[in-house]
Protein backbone atom coordinates (compact mmCIF):
# COMPACT_ATOMS: atom_id res chain seq x y z
CA UNK A 1 -52.77 -70.46 -26.83
CA UNK A 2 -49.73 -73.02 -26.44
CA UNK A 3 -46.61 -71.04 -26.56
CA UNK A 4 -43.24 -72.33 -26.98
CA UNK A 5 -40.49 -70.61 -24.48
CA UNK A 6 -36.78 -70.70 -24.80
CA UNK A 7 -33.37 -69.25 -24.48
CA UNK A 8 -31.02 -70.05 -26.82
CA UNK A 9 -27.22 -69.27 -27.21
CA UNK A 10 -25.44 -68.39 -30.55
CA UNK A 11 -24.84 -72.03 -31.54
CA UNK A 12 -28.43 -72.93 -30.36
CA UNK A 13 -27.31 -74.58 -27.26
CA UNK A 14 -30.17 -74.88 -24.80
CA UNK A 15 -28.36 -77.00 -22.18
CA UNK A 16 -25.78 -78.81 -20.52
CA UNK A 17 -25.43 -81.51 -18.04
CA UNK A 18 -28.95 -81.08 -17.54
CA UNK A 19 -29.28 -77.33 -16.71
CA UNK A 20 -29.06 -74.18 -18.58
CA UNK A 21 -25.47 -73.20 -19.17
CA UNK A 22 -25.72 -69.63 -18.29
CA UNK A 23 -27.11 -67.46 -15.59
CA UNK A 24 -29.01 -63.89 -16.23
CA UNK A 25 -31.21 -62.09 -13.89
CA UNK A 26 -32.96 -60.39 -16.64
CA UNK A 27 -34.00 -63.55 -18.69
CA UNK A 28 -34.86 -65.14 -15.16
CA UNK A 29 -36.86 -62.31 -14.46
CA UNK A 30 -38.56 -62.00 -18.12
CA UNK A 31 -39.61 -66.10 -17.83
CA UNK A 32 -41.51 -65.59 -14.45
CA UNK A 33 -43.14 -62.35 -15.44
CA UNK A 34 -44.05 -64.23 -18.50
CA UNK A 35 -45.63 -67.34 -17.28
CA UNK A 36 -46.66 -66.29 -14.03
CA UNK A 37 -50.59 -67.31 -13.60
CA UNK A 38 -50.23 -69.46 -16.74
CA UNK A 39 -49.57 -73.06 -17.06
CA UNK A 40 -45.73 -74.42 -17.76
CA UNK A 41 -45.68 -78.23 -19.40
CA UNK A 42 -42.33 -79.57 -18.84
CA UNK A 43 -40.57 -82.86 -19.77
CA UNK A 44 -39.38 -85.24 -16.52
CA UNK A 45 -35.50 -84.15 -16.77
CA UNK A 46 -36.58 -80.54 -16.98
CA UNK A 47 -38.89 -81.21 -13.69
CA UNK A 48 -36.28 -82.96 -12.24
CA UNK A 49 -33.51 -80.08 -12.64
CA UNK A 50 -35.86 -77.75 -11.14
CA UNK A 51 -36.75 -79.96 -8.04
CA UNK A 52 -40.22 -78.40 -7.18
CA UNK A 53 -42.90 -76.35 -8.62
CA UNK A 54 -42.63 -73.14 -10.03
CA UNK A 55 -44.86 -71.36 -7.53
CA UNK A 56 -48.00 -69.24 -9.19
CA UNK A 57 -48.36 -71.43 -12.38
CA UNK A 58 -50.30 -74.91 -12.99
CA UNK A 59 -47.36 -77.03 -13.32
CA UNK A 60 -47.24 -80.29 -15.90
CA UNK A 61 -45.14 -82.84 -16.40
CA UNK A 62 -45.02 -84.52 -19.63
CA UNK A 63 -43.65 -88.14 -19.76
CA UNK A 64 -44.42 -91.70 -21.12
CA UNK A 65 -42.71 -93.00 -18.28
CA UNK A 66 -43.96 -93.27 -14.56
CA UNK A 67 -42.59 -90.76 -12.50
CA UNK A 68 -42.30 -91.05 -8.32
CA UNK A 69 -44.91 -89.12 -6.43
CA UNK A 70 -45.98 -85.54 -8.16
CA UNK A 71 -46.15 -82.97 -5.44
CA UNK A 72 -50.34 -81.94 -4.91
CA UNK A 73 -51.35 -79.73 -7.70
CA UNK A 74 -48.79 -81.04 -10.31
CA UNK A 75 -50.64 -82.54 -13.09
CA UNK A 76 -48.99 -85.43 -15.20
CA UNK A 77 -49.68 -86.03 -19.03
CA UNK A 78 -48.58 -88.91 -21.14
CA UNK A 79 -48.72 -87.18 -24.44
CA UNK A 80 -48.83 -84.07 -26.50
CA UNK A 81 -52.89 -84.70 -27.39
CA UNK A 82 -53.40 -84.31 -23.79
CA UNK A 83 -51.71 -81.17 -23.54
CA UNK A 84 -53.72 -79.94 -26.33
CA UNK A 85 -56.79 -81.01 -24.87
CA UNK A 86 -55.80 -79.55 -21.70
CA UNK A 87 -55.10 -76.13 -23.70
CA UNK A 88 -58.42 -75.93 -25.11
CA UNK A 89 -60.58 -75.81 -21.71
CA UNK A 90 -57.58 -73.86 -19.86
CA UNK A 91 -58.52 -69.74 -19.84
CA UNK A 92 -54.80 -68.81 -19.70
CA UNK A 93 -51.80 -69.67 -22.09
CA UNK A 94 -49.86 -73.14 -21.69
CA UNK A 95 -45.99 -72.61 -21.84
CA UNK A 96 -43.90 -75.37 -23.02
CA UNK A 97 -40.76 -74.58 -21.38
CA UNK A 98 -38.48 -77.69 -22.01
CA UNK A 99 -36.57 -79.56 -22.59
CA UNK A 100 -35.49 -80.57 -25.91
CA UNK A 101 -37.12 -83.72 -26.13
CA UNK A 102 -40.40 -81.83 -25.08
CA UNK A 103 -40.16 -78.56 -27.50
CA UNK A 104 -39.44 -81.54 -30.33
CA UNK A 105 -42.83 -83.20 -28.93
CA UNK A 106 -44.51 -80.20 -28.98
CA UNK A 107 -43.09 -78.71 -32.02
CA UNK A 108 -46.50 -79.07 -34.77
CA UNK A 109 -48.67 -77.90 -31.63
CA UNK A 110 -46.66 -74.71 -31.10
CA UNK A 111 -48.82 -71.43 -31.95
CA UNK A 112 -46.25 -69.22 -30.84
CA UNK A 113 -42.50 -68.62 -29.63
CA UNK A 114 -40.72 -66.32 -27.24
CA UNK A 115 -37.27 -66.74 -28.00
CA UNK A 116 -34.72 -64.90 -25.79
CA UNK A 117 -31.39 -65.04 -27.90
CA UNK A 118 -28.30 -65.34 -25.24
CA UNK A 119 -24.86 -64.09 -26.86
CA UNK A 120 -22.81 -66.47 -25.93
CA UNK A 121 -21.61 -69.64 -28.19
CA UNK A 122 -21.88 -72.81 -25.39
CA UNK A 123 -18.83 -74.32 -26.88
CA UNK A 124 -19.41 -77.63 -24.30
CA UNK A 125 -23.25 -77.66 -24.12
CA UNK A 126 -24.90 -80.89 -24.65
CA UNK A 127 -28.39 -80.02 -25.98
CA UNK A 128 -29.42 -77.84 -28.96
CA UNK A 129 -32.67 -76.58 -30.40
CA UNK A 130 -33.03 -77.07 -34.28
CA UNK A 131 -31.60 -74.32 -36.41
CA UNK A 132 -34.80 -74.23 -38.36
CA UNK A 133 -36.89 -74.50 -35.50
CA UNK A 134 -38.43 -71.18 -36.58
CA UNK A 135 -39.24 -71.86 -40.05
CA UNK A 136 -42.83 -71.97 -39.82
CA UNK A 137 -42.56 -68.67 -37.69
CA UNK A 138 -42.81 -65.12 -38.51
CA UNK A 139 -41.60 -62.32 -36.12
CA UNK A 140 -44.09 -60.08 -34.60
CA UNK A 141 -42.22 -57.95 -32.01
CA UNK A 142 -38.60 -58.12 -30.29
CA UNK A 143 -37.28 -55.95 -27.28
CA UNK A 144 -34.06 -55.73 -25.33
CA UNK A 145 -33.87 -56.92 -21.87
CA UNK A 146 -30.18 -55.84 -21.22
CA UNK A 147 -26.88 -57.54 -20.66
CA UNK A 148 -26.86 -58.34 -24.13
CA UNK A 149 -30.21 -60.29 -24.40
CA UNK A 150 -32.77 -59.77 -26.72
CA UNK A 151 -36.43 -61.29 -26.95
CA UNK A 152 -38.07 -61.91 -30.09
CA UNK A 153 -42.17 -62.81 -30.39
CA UNK A 154 -43.01 -64.90 -33.14
CA UNK A 155 -46.12 -66.41 -34.57
CA UNK A 156 -46.31 -69.35 -36.58
CA UNK A 157 -47.14 -68.25 -40.35
């Protein structure tokens, strides 16, 4: 299954200057536990921001432009169709982890969203999710992570 996973502020902010504009241990732990043992797909900007493969996951960089040599085991795909083809044969989940351009490119292919709601307004954010990105999805469940964080699990209608 192709799953989008994102943390968003109250004003739909997801980034500032190429990184997360907050730090919540609970959110990072949730992200790690949720994606561990699966594949993670990210754009080249997110790849550069992270700086190394996320351990215990199949790392995939989705980019139309050439990249410097990727570490062994990290895959590079040039388009969303490559991700879909990979997901069909992959026995585990494929998580779309950002950034904004990758979420947009994969929007029609994401079957489920896991959305952590961050209890902040990030006034100086420069990267946002569209306010209607969940219009074709319905809530399955939600849970509290602590520190005011809520996680919602939504499936495509």
